[in-house]
Amino acid sequence: MVAGELVQELHSGAPDDITVMKKIPEPEGDTERCAEPRYVAAAEEAPEGAQEKDVPPVEEREAMLPNGGREDEEEEKHGARLETKLYLRRFAVLAVFSLYSLSNAFQWIQYSIISNVFMHYYGVTSDKVDLLSICYMVTYVPLIFPATWLLDRKGLRLTALLGAGLNCAGAWMKCASVSQDRFGVTVGAQVICSMSQVFILGLPSRVASVWFGPKEVSTACAVAVLGNQLGTAIGFLLPPVLVPNTPDDPELTGHNISIMFYGTAALSTALFFLTVLVISDRPPLPPSHAQAVLPDSPGEDYSFKQSLVNLLKNKAFVLLLVSYGIMTGSYYSVSTLLNQMIMACYENQELNAGRIGLTLVVAGMVGSVLCGLWLDYTKTYKMTTLTVYFLSFLGMIVFTFTLNLDNILLVFFTAGALGFFMTGYLPLGFEFGVEITYPESEGTSSGLLNAFAQLFGIIFTLIQGQLTHRNPLFGNLFLCAWISLGILLTAFIKSDLKRHNVNMEAENNRLEALPTSCPEDCPPGEKTNRDKLETSVSFSRETSL
């Protein structure tokens, strides 16, 4: 069923900017017109055959598109139209992806939030329990490159199936690790789950771009990221409830752990079968003009290596890589070590530690959705990203200096404020990266962003963990210093919204470009009663600070 239909025609000579047309007052009775201008009305308003064959030269930006924009010329020669449609199935694809991303995020954090329980059950130190979270970050960095290549070459469906399948396999392997002498088995199961994450974290921007229209793409990306955040929130909430701390009864602890593991495995299996049924590479017709001008699959001359080189030569994207890595790595570190920070300041507060983590993530989910809606409405990517980054820094400062004030309710509030901005930043980075790197693959840009996030997450978790053992204040101040550096890097990012420009061109290709003065063959003194073109308003770059 079709939820909406949009028919667009591509003009290779359409201007980059939106043209503001202003009426020129003319004397009454002046009815003579100048010769017909070079540009004519849009195809849907003009009679058949009324369009002229001459078109303006190809723009520099069109030359950046695949095949140098030659698809546009072919479309014009044959009088064809580029058709776009929105399908209701896009919501099912988004829902299934978000749910199995939720399951994977839950399995990431389920050990760390009750680290003291697993320490007593398996007889290991806190460092080894932290490794169960860090392994998610360690496996991501080397595997992201083959995973991104697979996404670009084989498409969304195969990548999604691998992510859901490995997540399911790791969940069932955990069920076999419920014994005090099988810590190695649970490590192996967690490694398999961490491998599935490689095929999950880079997909939100791809799902949004391939299935959703230009007015909803940022919101869709935020919802896709929100599924992962919701899984983290549930991972903070349920494990302390399902597996209470019973150090004197290891059999009861093992029974409780089994309930948690089997429940996760059953859910992961159901989501794997839903992935098989629902997710496909792309809809029959593209959802936006920016997707319509891209090929359905990479051409024979496509080079993944060259795509990486192009991204790393993009100075704005390199700055975004580092700043995104700092912010997201800080989020991973805080999430991993939250239980230890709370337990260091408040004794016997395992349940509240999980609830504080839940508050942090749920507030971040609200922030993610609001930021996505704001981007779809304003397209002010850099200003929004910079503002949220600065507010995350303020939230981290407040959380740091209120953690040890012996007021647990205050910690709930400050953690919520921190999560609202810090977690709300995640979809902003994805969408900003896609904008400034278009037409490069969304999977490649998102994969690099996640790789840097995992790399910083490993470094920050290890260093902050050592500092937290001495005093949680030192570890949090360490993160504050890095986040302040991220603010400076974000301020230097040049905002060139390439994907947005292509969609704006498509929306405005029906505007009639008219001459501002009479052609040479017009007799002197005669005026045109057409509209005069004034200076155009460009949306290609945001206003700088």
Protein backbone atom coordinates (compact mmCIF):
# COMPACT_ATOMS: atom_id res chain seq x y z
CA MET A 1 0.00 0.00 0.00
CA VAL A 2 1.28 3.44 -0.83
CA ALA A 3 1.30 5.96 1.97
CA GLY A 4 2.24 8.89 -0.18
CA GLU A 5 3.36 9.55 -3.71
CA LEU A 6 5.59 12.25 -5.01
CA VAL A 7 6.35 12.64 -8.71
CA GLN A 8 9.44 14.67 -9.45
CA GLU A 9 11.24 15.58 -12.66
CA LEU A 10 14.98 16.02 -12.68
CA HIS A 11 16.49 19.07 -14.43
CA SER A 12 20.22 18.91 -14.90
CA GLY A 13 20.46 22.66 -15.04
CA ALA A 14 18.29 23.45 -12.03
CA PRO A 15 19.82 26.08 -9.79
CA ASP A 16 21.34 25.18 -6.44
CA ASP A 17 19.52 27.86 -4.56
CA ILE A 18 15.91 28.75 -3.95
CA THR A 19 15.05 31.75 -6.09
CA VAL A 20 12.96 34.51 -4.59
CA MET A 21 10.75 36.11 -7.25
CA LYS A 22 9.53 39.63 -6.75
CA LYS A 23 6.91 41.48 -8.78
CA ILE A 24 8.02 44.64 -10.62
CA PRO A 25 5.32 47.30 -10.90
CA GLU A 26 4.55 48.20 -14.50
CA PRO A 27 2.52 50.96 -16.16
CA GLU A 28 -1.06 50.10 -17.11
CA GLY A 29 -1.59 49.08 -20.66
CA ASP A 30 1.93 47.81 -21.14
CA THR A 31 0.99 44.43 -22.52
CA GLU A 32 3.88 43.74 -24.87
CA ARG A 33 6.22 40.99 -23.86
CA CYS A 34 9.82 40.35 -24.55
CA ALA A 35 10.95 37.30 -26.43
CA GLU A 36 10.47 33.99 -24.69
CA PRO A 37 13.17 33.39 -22.01
CA ARG A 38 15.56 30.49 -22.10
CA TYR A 39 14.01 28.74 -19.10
CA VAL A 40 10.45 27.49 -19.25
CA ALA A 41 7.89 26.23 -16.77
CA ALA A 42 8.03 22.79 -15.23
CA ALA A 43 7.05 19.82 -17.33
CA GLU A 44 3.85 19.12 -15.48
CA GLU A 45 2.56 22.64 -16.18
CA ALA A 46 3.68 22.98 -19.79
CA PRO A 47 2.07 21.31 -22.79
CA GLU A 48 3.79 18.29 -24.26
CA GLY A 49 6.73 19.27 -26.40
CA ALA A 50 6.78 22.81 -25.02
CA GLN A 51 10.12 22.39 -23.27
CA GLU A 52 13.23 23.59 -25.02
CA LYS A 53 16.08 21.18 -25.53
CA ASP A 54 18.81 23.56 -24.46
CA VAL A 55 19.77 23.26 -20.85
CA PRO A 56 22.32 25.14 -18.76
CA PRO A 57 25.77 23.62 -18.20
CA VAL A 58 26.11 20.89 -15.62
CA GLU A 59 26.78 22.29 -12.16
CA GLU A 60 29.85 21.40 -10.17
CA ARG A 61 27.70 19.70 -7.60
CA GLU A 62 26.06 17.50 -10.22
CA ALA A 63 29.48 16.44 -11.39
CA MET A 64 30.03 14.99 -7.91
CA LEU A 65 27.07 12.64 -8.33
CA PRO A 66 27.56 9.12 -9.72
CA ASN A 67 28.55 9.18 -13.41
CA GLY A 68 28.89 12.95 -13.22
CA GLY A 69 25.14 13.48 -13.36
CA ARG A 70 24.84 11.77 -16.78
CA GLU A 71 21.70 9.98 -15.56
CA ASP A 72 19.98 13.38 -15.58
CA GLU A 73 20.84 13.97 -19.23
CA GLU A 74 19.51 10.55 -20.20
CA GLU A 75 16.26 11.21 -18.36
CA GLU A 76 15.79 14.50 -20.17
CA LYS A 77 16.57 13.01 -23.58
CA HIS A 78 13.88 10.38 -23.20
CA GLY A 79 11.37 12.65 -21.47
CA ALA A 80 11.25 10.28 -18.53
CA ARG A 81 10.39 11.14 -14.97
CA LEU A 82 12.10 10.10 -11.78
CA GLU A 83 9.30 8.79 -9.60
CA THR A 84 9.43 8.60 -5.81
CA LYS A 85 7.01 6.91 -3.41
CA LEU A 86 6.66 6.33 0.30
CA TYR A 87 5.48 2.88 1.39
CA LEU A 88 3.75 1.91 4.65
CA ARG A 89 6.18 -1.00 4.87
CA ARG A 90 8.90 1.47 5.86
CA PHE A 91 7.42 1.62 9.36
CA ALA A 92 7.59 -2.18 9.71
CA VAL A 93 11.23 -2.17 8.55
CA LEU A 94 12.08 0.56 11.06
CA ALA A 95 10.24 -1.23 13.90
CA VAL A 96 11.91 -4.62 13.33
CA PHE A 97 15.36 -3.08 13.03
CA SER A 98 14.84 -1.02 16.20
CA LEU A 99 13.68 -4.09 18.15
CA TYR A 100 16.62 -6.36 17.33
CA SER A 101 18.95 -3.42 17.94
CA LEU A 102 17.21 -3.14 21.34
CA SER A 103 17.93 -6.81 22.08
CA ASN A 104 21.61 -6.40 21.21
CA ALA A 105 22.03 -3.28 23.38
CA PHE A 106 20.36 -5.08 26.31
CA GLN A 107 22.93 -7.87 26.08
CA TRP A 108 25.74 -5.30 26.08
CA ILE A 109 24.87 -3.71 29.41
CA GLN A 110 23.26 -6.63 31.30
CA TYR A 111 26.58 -7.60 32.94
CA SER A 112 27.92 -4.17 33.89
CA ILE A 113 24.84 -2.92 35.73
CA ILE A 114 25.02 -5.87 38.18
CA SER A 115 28.79 -6.33 38.05
CA ASN A 116 28.96 -7.15 41.77
CA VAL A 117 26.56 -10.09 41.27
CA PHE A 118 28.60 -11.59 38.42
CA MET A 119 31.84 -11.00 40.34
CA HIS A 120 30.57 -13.15 43.22
CA TYR A 121 28.94 -15.79 40.99
CA TYR A 122 31.91 -16.39 38.67
CA GLY A 123 34.59 -15.50 41.26
CA VAL A 124 36.27 -12.87 39.07
CA THR A 125 37.41 -9.27 39.57
CA SER A 126 35.55 -6.15 38.43
CA ASP A 127 38.07 -5.65 35.62
CA LYS A 128 37.04 -8.94 34.01
CA VAL A 129 33.37 -8.06 34.25
CA ASP A 130 34.14 -4.69 32.62
CA LEU A 131 35.76 -6.59 29.75
CA LEU A 132 32.35 -8.10 28.92
CA SER A 133 31.25 -4.58 28.02
CA ILE A 134 34.54 -3.48 26.48
CA CYS A 135 34.58 -6.48 24.10
CA TYR A 136 31.66 -4.83 22.26
CA MET A 137 33.96 -1.93 21.48
CA VAL A 138 37.07 -4.02 20.77
CA THR A 139 35.45 -6.25 18.15
CA TYR A 140 33.78 -3.33 16.39
CA VAL A 141 36.92 -1.49 15.32
CA PRO A 142 38.55 -4.22 13.13
CA LEU A 143 35.27 -5.69 11.86
CA ILE A 144 33.57 -2.44 10.80
CA PHE A 145 35.50 -2.29 7.51
CA PRO A 146 34.43 -5.71 6.14
CA ALA A 147 30.91 -5.09 7.53
CA THR A 148 30.66 -1.75 5.72
CA TRP A 149 31.98 -3.31 2.51
CA LEU A 150 29.30 -6.00 2.84
CA LEU A 151 26.58 -3.37 3.34
CA ASP A 152 27.67 -1.44 0.24
CA ARG A 153 28.08 -4.54 -1.93
CA LYS A 154 25.33 -6.90 -0.76
CA GLY A 155 22.78 -4.45 0.59
CA LEU A 156 20.65 -3.88 3.68
CA ARG A 157 18.89 -7.25 3.90
CA LEU A 158 21.95 -9.52 4.16
CA THR A 159 23.60 -7.17 6.65
CA ALA A 160 20.46 -7.08 8.81
CA LEU A 161 20.16 -10.88 8.71
CA LEU A 162 23.75 -11.28 9.90
CA GLY A 163 23.17 -8.82 12.73
CA ALA A 164 19.95 -10.49 13.93
CA GLY A 165 21.36 -14.01 13.41
CA LEU A 166 24.56 -13.49 15.39
CA ASN A 167 22.61 -11.72 18.12
CA CYS A 168 20.32 -14.76 18.39
CA ALA A 169 23.24 -17.23 18.41
CA GLY A 170 25.08 -15.33 21.15
CA ALA A 171 21.93 -15.20 23.31
CA TRP A 172 21.49 -18.99 23.17
CA MET A 173 25.17 -19.57 23.93
CA LYS A 174 24.77 -17.53 27.11
CA CYS A 175 22.14 -20.00 28.27
CA ALA A 176 24.89 -22.66 28.31
CA SER A 177 27.17 -20.48 30.44
CA VAL A 178 25.09 -20.61 33.64
CA SER A 179 27.59 -22.36 35.86
CA GLN A 180 30.17 -20.91 38.22
CA ASP A 181 33.04 -22.51 36.29
CA ARG A 182 31.91 -21.33 32.82
CA PHE A 183 33.00 -17.72 32.76
CA GLY A 184 34.91 -18.44 29.54
CA VAL A 185 31.68 -19.60 27.87
CA THR A 186 29.89 -16.38 28.79
CA VAL A 187 32.85 -14.39 27.43
CA GLY A 188 32.62 -16.27 24.12
CA ALA A 189 28.87 -15.68 23.94
CA GLN A 190 29.36 -11.97 24.58
CA VAL A 191 31.97 -11.82 21.82
CA ILE A 192 29.44 -13.29 19.35
CA CYS A 193 26.87 -10.69 20.44
CA SER A 194 29.49 -7.98 20.01
CA MET A 195 30.13 -9.20 16.45
CA SER A 196 26.42 -8.80 15.67
CA GLN A 197 26.66 -5.19 16.84
CA VAL A 198 28.97 -4.47 13.89
CA PHE A 199 26.06 -5.21 11.54
CA ILE A 200 23.64 -3.08 13.57
CA LEU A 201 25.14 0.24 14.63
CA GLY A 202 25.89 1.45 11.10
CA LEU A 203 22.38 0.84 9.75
CA PRO A 204 20.19 3.66 11.20
CA SER A 205 21.18 6.24 8.58
CA ARG A 206 20.96 3.63 5.77
CA VAL A 207 17.46 2.53 6.83
CA ALA A 208 16.33 6.14 7.09
CA SER A 209 17.82 7.24 3.75
CA VAL A 210 16.67 4.25 1.70
CA TRP A 211 13.11 3.99 3.06
CA PHE A 212 12.05 7.47 4.26
CA GLY A 213 11.33 10.78 2.53
CA PRO A 214 13.33 13.99 2.93
CA LYS A 215 10.90 15.48 5.47
CA GLU A 216 11.11 12.49 7.82
CA VAL A 217 14.61 11.09 7.30
CA SER A 218 16.16 12.67 10.41
CA THR A 219 13.25 11.58 12.60
CA ALA A 220 13.49 8.03 11.21
CA CYS A 221 17.22 7.93 11.95
CA ALA A 222 16.53 9.15 15.50
CA VAL A 223 13.92 6.39 16.01
CA ALA A 224 16.35 3.76 14.68
CA VAL A 225 18.99 4.95 17.15
CA LEU A 226 16.30 5.11 19.83
CA GLY A 227 15.82 1.34 19.64
CA ASN A 228 19.43 0.82 20.72
CA GLN A 229 19.01 3.34 23.52
CA LEU A 230 15.82 1.67 24.70
CA GLY A 231 17.68 -1.63 24.90
CA THR A 232 20.30 0.01 27.09
CA ALA A 233 17.53 1.47 29.27
CA ILE A 234 15.92 -1.95 29.73
CA GLY A 235 19.40 -3.34 30.42
CA PHE A 236 19.72 -0.88 33.29
CA LEU A 237 16.24 -1.69 34.63
CA LEU A 238 15.61 -5.45 34.36
CA PRO A 239 18.86 -7.20 35.43
CA PRO A 240 18.81 -5.76 39.00
CA VAL A 241 15.17 -6.90 39.28
CA LEU A 242 15.61 -10.34 37.69
CA VAL A 243 18.97 -11.10 39.34
CA PRO A 244 19.03 -9.63 42.87
CA ASN A 245 22.23 -9.83 44.87
CA THR A 246 22.18 -13.15 46.76
CA PRO A 247 25.88 -13.90 47.46
CA ASP A 248 25.07 -16.58 50.06
CA ASP A 249 22.96 -18.66 47.64
CA PRO A 250 24.81 -19.24 44.34
CA GLU A 251 22.18 -21.76 43.15
CA LEU A 252 19.45 -19.11 43.39
CA THR A 253 21.73 -16.64 41.61
CA GLY A 254 22.30 -19.14 38.81
CA HIS A 255 18.55 -19.79 38.51
CA ASN A 256 17.86 -16.06 38.23
CA ILE A 257 20.59 -15.61 35.62
CA SER A 258 19.07 -18.50 33.61
CA ILE A 259 15.67 -16.79 33.55
CA MET A 260 17.26 -13.62 32.19
CA PHE A 261 19.32 -15.45 29.55
CA TYR A 262 16.51 -17.71 28.29
CA GLY A 263 14.09 -14.81 28.03
CA THR A 264 16.61 -12.85 25.97
CA ALA A 265 17.26 -15.85 23.70
CA ALA A 266 13.54 -16.38 23.01
CA LEU A 267 13.04 -12.72 22.11
CA SER A 268 16.14 -12.68 19.88
CA THR A 269 14.88 -15.76 18.00
CA ALA A 270 11.49 -14.18 17.30
CA LEU A 271 13.16 -11.01 16.05
CA PHE A 272 15.44 -12.98 13.74
CA PHE A 273 12.43 -14.55 11.99
CA LEU A 274 10.75 -11.13 11.74
CA THR A 275 13.91 -9.79 10.11
CA VAL A 276 13.74 -12.58 7.51
CA LEU A 277 10.12 -11.70 6.72
CA VAL A 278 10.17 -7.89 6.79
CA ILE A 279 13.50 -6.31 5.88
CA SER A 280 14.54 -5.92 2.23
CA ASP A 281 17.29 -3.93 0.55
CA ARG A 282 15.12 -1.03 -0.65
CA PRO A 283 11.55 -0.22 -1.72
CA PRO A 284 10.47 -0.65 -5.38
CA LEU A 285 10.66 3.13 -5.91
CA PRO A 286 13.04 5.50 -4.07
CA PRO A 287 11.61 7.73 -1.30
CA SER A 288 13.46 10.93 -2.22
CA HIS A 289 15.14 12.77 -5.07
CA ALA A 290 18.55 12.31 -3.41
CA GLN A 291 18.06 8.52 -3.51
CA ALA A 292 16.60 8.56 -7.03
CA VAL A 293 19.77 9.99 -8.58
CA LEU A 294 21.94 7.32 -6.93
CA PRO A 295 22.38 3.88 -8.54
CA ASP A 296 20.59 0.92 -6.94
CA SER A 297 23.92 -0.87 -6.51
CA PRO A 298 27.58 0.14 -6.81
CA GLY A 299 28.91 0.14 -10.36
CA GLU A 300 31.75 -1.97 -11.63
CA ASP A 301 34.17 0.88 -11.04
CA TYR A 302 33.09 1.28 -7.39
CA SER A 303 35.97 1.09 -4.92
CA PHE A 304 35.34 0.80 -1.19
CA LYS A 305 38.94 1.84 -0.59
CA GLN A 306 38.44 4.98 -2.67
CA SER A 307 35.26 5.74 -0.76
CA LEU A 308 37.20 5.61 2.51
CA VAL A 309 39.90 7.84 1.03
CA ASN A 310 37.28 10.37 -0.08
CA LEU A 311 35.80 10.47 3.41
CA LEU A 312 39.14 10.86 5.13
CA LYS A 313 40.05 13.72 2.76
CA ASN A 314 36.90 15.54 3.83
CA LYS A 315 38.19 17.86 6.57
CA ALA A 316 34.74 18.55 7.97
CA PHE A 317 34.05 14.83 8.29
CA VAL A 318 37.40 14.16 9.99
CA LEU A 319 36.57 16.81 12.61
CA LEU A 320 33.17 15.20 13.07
CA LEU A 321 34.81 11.77 13.45
CA VAL A 322 36.90 12.92 16.41
CA SER A 323 34.19 15.01 18.07
CA TYR A 324 31.58 12.24 17.65
CA GLY A 325 34.05 9.70 19.02
CA ILE A 326 34.69 11.82 22.11
CA MET A 327 31.00 12.32 22.93
CA THR A 328 29.82 8.78 22.22
CA GLY A 329 32.90 7.24 23.85
CA SER A 330 32.09 9.26 26.99
CA TYR A 331 28.54 7.91 26.91
CA TYR A 332 29.80 4.32 26.65
CA SER A 333 32.22 4.87 29.52
CA VAL A 334 29.60 6.42 31.82
CA SER A 335 27.12 3.61 31.03
CA THR A 336 29.69 0.88 31.72
CA LEU A 337 30.96 2.35 34.98
CA LEU A 338 27.69 3.78 36.34
CA ASN A 339 27.16 0.90 38.79
CA GLN A 340 30.66 1.30 40.21
CA MET A 341 30.27 5.08 40.53
CA ILE A 342 26.95 4.78 42.36
CA MET A 343 28.15 1.97 44.63
CA ALA A 344 31.26 3.98 45.54
CA CYS A 345 29.12 6.88 46.78
CA TYR A 346 25.98 5.04 47.99
CA GLU A 347 26.14 1.60 49.64
CA ASN A 348 23.63 -1.15 48.84
CA GLN A 349 21.99 0.81 46.04
CA GLU A 350 22.10 -1.74 43.20
CA LEU A 351 18.44 -1.19 42.32
CA ASN A 352 18.80 2.58 42.32
CA ALA A 353 21.94 2.32 40.19
CA GLY A 354 19.87 0.52 37.56
CA ARG A 355 17.07 3.06 37.87
CA ILE A 356 19.49 5.95 37.49
CA GLY A 357 20.84 4.33 34.32
CA LEU A 358 17.26 3.91 33.11
CA THR A 359 16.59 7.60 33.79
CA LEU A 360 19.72 8.59 31.89
CA VAL A 361 18.80 6.57 28.80
CA VAL A 362 15.05 7.31 28.74
CA ALA A 363 15.77 11.03 28.95
CA GLY A 364 18.22 10.53 26.09
CA MET A 365 15.55 8.77 24.03
CA VAL A 366 13.31 11.81 24.39
CA GLY A 367 16.25 14.01 23.40
CA SER A 368 16.97 11.87 20.34
CA VAL A 369 13.43 12.12 19.02
CA LEU A 370 13.18 15.86 19.68
CA CYS A 371 16.54 16.47 17.98
CA GLY A 372 15.43 14.43 14.97
CA LEU A 373 12.17 16.37 14.68
CA TRP A 374 14.05 19.65 15.02
CA LEU A 375 16.49 18.71 12.24
CA ASP A 376 13.65 17.73 9.90
CA TYR A 377 12.01 21.08 10.58
CA THR A 378 15.03 23.43 10.47
CA LYS A 379 17.92 21.55 8.77
CA THR A 380 20.30 23.50 11.05
CA TYR A 381 22.67 20.59 11.51
CA LYS A 382 25.77 22.36 12.77
CA MET A 383 24.03 24.78 15.10
CA THR A 384 21.95 21.99 16.65
CA THR A 385 24.97 19.69 17.00
CA LEU A 386 27.09 22.39 18.62
CA THR A 387 24.33 23.43 21.01
CA VAL A 388 23.64 19.88 22.15
CA TYR A 389 27.38 19.24 22.55
CA PHE A 390 27.77 22.29 24.80
CA LEU A 391 24.73 21.37 26.90
CA SER A 392 26.13 17.83 27.28
CA PHE A 393 29.31 19.37 28.66
CA LEU A 394 27.30 21.39 31.20
CA GLY A 395 25.33 18.25 32.12
CA MET A 396 28.56 16.33 32.73
CA ILE A 397 29.92 19.10 34.93
CA VAL A 398 26.75 19.17 37.05
CA PHE A 399 26.63 15.35 37.32
CA THR A 400 30.29 15.25 38.39
CA PHE A 401 29.96 17.69 41.27
CA THR A 402 26.59 16.46 42.56
CA LEU A 403 27.31 12.72 42.55
CA ASN A 404 28.81 12.61 46.08
CA LEU A 405 26.45 15.04 47.83
CA ASP A 406 24.64 12.14 49.61
CA ASN A 407 21.39 12.93 47.81
CA ILE A 408 20.32 10.05 45.57
CA LEU A 409 17.27 11.93 44.23
CA LEU A 410 19.53 14.69 42.98
CA VAL A 411 21.61 12.10 41.11
CA PHE A 412 18.44 10.93 39.35
CA PHE A 413 17.81 14.47 38.14
CA THR A 414 21.36 15.26 37.04
CA ALA A 415 21.74 11.88 35.29
CA GLY A 416 18.51 12.54 33.40
CA ALA A 417 19.74 15.94 32.27
CA LEU A 418 23.06 14.44 31.19
CA GLY A 419 21.36 11.65 29.26
CA PHE A 420 18.92 13.99 27.51
CA PHE A 421 21.73 15.84 25.76
CA MET A 422 24.50 13.23 25.59
CA THR A 423 22.31 10.46 24.18
CA GLY A 424 20.33 12.93 22.10
CA TYR A 425 23.56 13.77 20.28
CA LEU A 426 23.93 10.27 18.75
CA PRO A 427 21.47 10.62 15.81
CA LEU A 428 22.66 14.18 15.20
CA GLY A 429 26.15 12.93 14.44
CA PHE A 430 24.84 10.26 12.06
CA GLU A 431 22.69 12.65 10.05
CA PHE A 432 25.29 15.44 10.01
CA GLY A 433 27.85 12.97 8.69
CA VAL A 434 25.56 11.82 5.88
CA GLU A 435 24.86 15.42 4.86
CA ILE A 436 28.46 16.57 4.57
CA THR A 437 29.64 13.38 2.81
CA TYR A 438 26.82 12.86 0.25
CA PRO A 439 26.86 11.05 -2.19
CA GLU A 440 29.20 8.65 -0.37
CA SER A 441 27.50 5.61 1.20
CA GLU A 442 25.61 6.24 4.44
CA GLY A 443 26.87 2.91 5.75
CA THR A 444 30.50 3.88 5.24
CA SER A 445 30.22 7.26 6.99
CA SER A 446 28.16 5.79 9.85
CA GLY A 447 30.58 2.89 10.19
CA LEU A 448 33.56 5.19 10.56
CA LEU A 449 31.71 7.32 13.10
CA ASN A 450 30.90 4.22 15.15
CA ALA A 451 34.48 2.93 14.83
CA PHE A 452 35.84 6.12 16.35
CA ALA A 453 33.13 6.00 19.03
CA GLN A 454 34.14 2.46 20.00
CA LEU A 455 37.84 3.36 19.96
CA PHE A 456 37.32 6.31 22.28
CA GLY A 457 34.94 4.18 24.36
CA ILE A 458 37.67 1.59 24.97
CA ILE A 459 40.24 4.21 25.96
CA PHE A 460 37.85 6.19 28.15
CA THR A 461 36.42 3.12 29.92
CA LEU A 462 39.85 1.75 30.79
CA ILE A 463 41.23 5.09 32.03
CA GLN A 464 38.07 6.24 33.80
CA GLY A 465 37.73 2.78 35.39
CA GLN A 466 41.15 3.09 36.99
CA LEU A 467 40.41 6.64 38.15
CA THR A 468 36.99 5.64 39.51
CA HIS A 469 38.60 3.01 41.76
CA ARG A 470 40.39 5.90 43.46
CA ASN A 471 37.64 8.50 43.32
CA PRO A 472 34.70 8.82 40.87
CA LEU A 473 35.31 12.58 40.78
CA PHE A 474 38.65 12.11 39.01
CA GLY A 475 37.18 9.88 36.33
CA ASN A 476 34.33 12.27 35.57
CA LEU A 477 36.65 15.28 35.39
CA PHE A 478 38.72 13.33 32.88
CA LEU A 479 35.65 13.04 30.64
CA CYS A 480 34.76 16.72 31.11
CA ALA A 481 38.16 17.77 29.77
CA TRP A 482 37.72 15.67 26.62
CA ILE A 483 34.17 16.86 25.99
CA SER A 484 35.35 20.47 26.14
CA LEU A 485 37.84 19.63 23.37
CA GLY A 486 34.99 18.12 21.35
CA ILE A 487 33.11 21.44 21.53
CA LEU A 488 36.03 23.25 19.91
CA LEU A 489 36.35 20.66 17.14
CA THR A 490 32.62 20.85 16.38
CA ALA A 491 32.81 24.64 16.08
CA PHE A 492 35.35 24.28 13.25
CA ILE A 493 33.22 21.92 11.15
CA LYS A 494 32.21 23.47 7.83
CA SER A 495 28.52 22.81 7.25
CA ASP A 496 27.91 21.96 3.59
CA LEU A 497 24.53 20.20 3.38
CA LYS A 498 24.94 18.35 0.07
CA ARG A 499 22.08 15.87 0.38
CA HIS A 500 19.70 18.61 1.50
CA ASN A 501 20.65 20.72 -1.52
CA VAL A 502 19.72 17.93 -3.93
CA ASN A 503 16.31 17.52 -2.29
CA MET A 504 15.75 21.29 -2.28
CA GLU A 505 16.55 21.41 -5.99
CA ALA A 506 13.94 18.75 -6.65
CA GLU A 507 11.31 20.66 -4.68
CA ASN A 508 12.01 23.85 -6.57
CA ASN A 509 12.50 22.57 -10.10
CA ARG A 510 9.04 23.86 -11.02
CA LEU A 511 10.04 27.48 -10.37
CA GLU A 512 10.33 29.40 -13.63
CA ALA A 513 13.64 31.16 -14.13
CA LEU A 514 13.08 34.38 -16.04
CA PRO A 515 15.43 37.07 -17.47
CA THR A 516 15.87 40.25 -15.47
CA SER A 517 16.02 42.39 -18.60
CA CYS A 518 14.73 42.29 -22.18
CA PRO A 519 16.66 40.20 -24.72
CA GLU A 520 18.76 42.00 -27.25
CA ASP A 521 16.04 41.86 -29.91
CA CYS A 522 13.58 43.75 -27.67
CA PRO A 523 13.15 47.35 -28.78
CA PRO A 524 14.73 49.91 -26.45
CA GLY A 525 12.39 51.33 -23.87
CA GLU A 526 10.10 48.31 -23.80
CA LYS A 527 9.72 46.47 -20.50
CA THR A 528 8.66 42.98 -19.62
CA ASN A 529 5.58 42.40 -17.50
CA ARG A 530 7.07 39.17 -16.20
CA ASP A 531 8.47 38.74 -12.70
CA LYS A 532 11.99 39.90 -12.09
CA LEU A 533 14.48 37.53 -10.45
CA GLU A 534 16.12 38.95 -7.36
CA THR A 535 19.11 37.67 -5.41
CA SER A 536 18.61 34.02 -4.50
CA VAL A 537 18.55 32.69 -0.97
CA SER A 538 20.96 29.78 -0.48
CA PHE A 539 20.35 26.93 1.94
CA SER A 540 23.56 25.14 1.04
CA ARG A 541 25.40 26.30 4.15
CA GLU A 542 24.26 27.29 7.58
CA THR A 543 25.02 30.68 9.03
CA SER A 544 28.40 30.51 10.75
CA LEU A 545 28.85 31.39 14.38
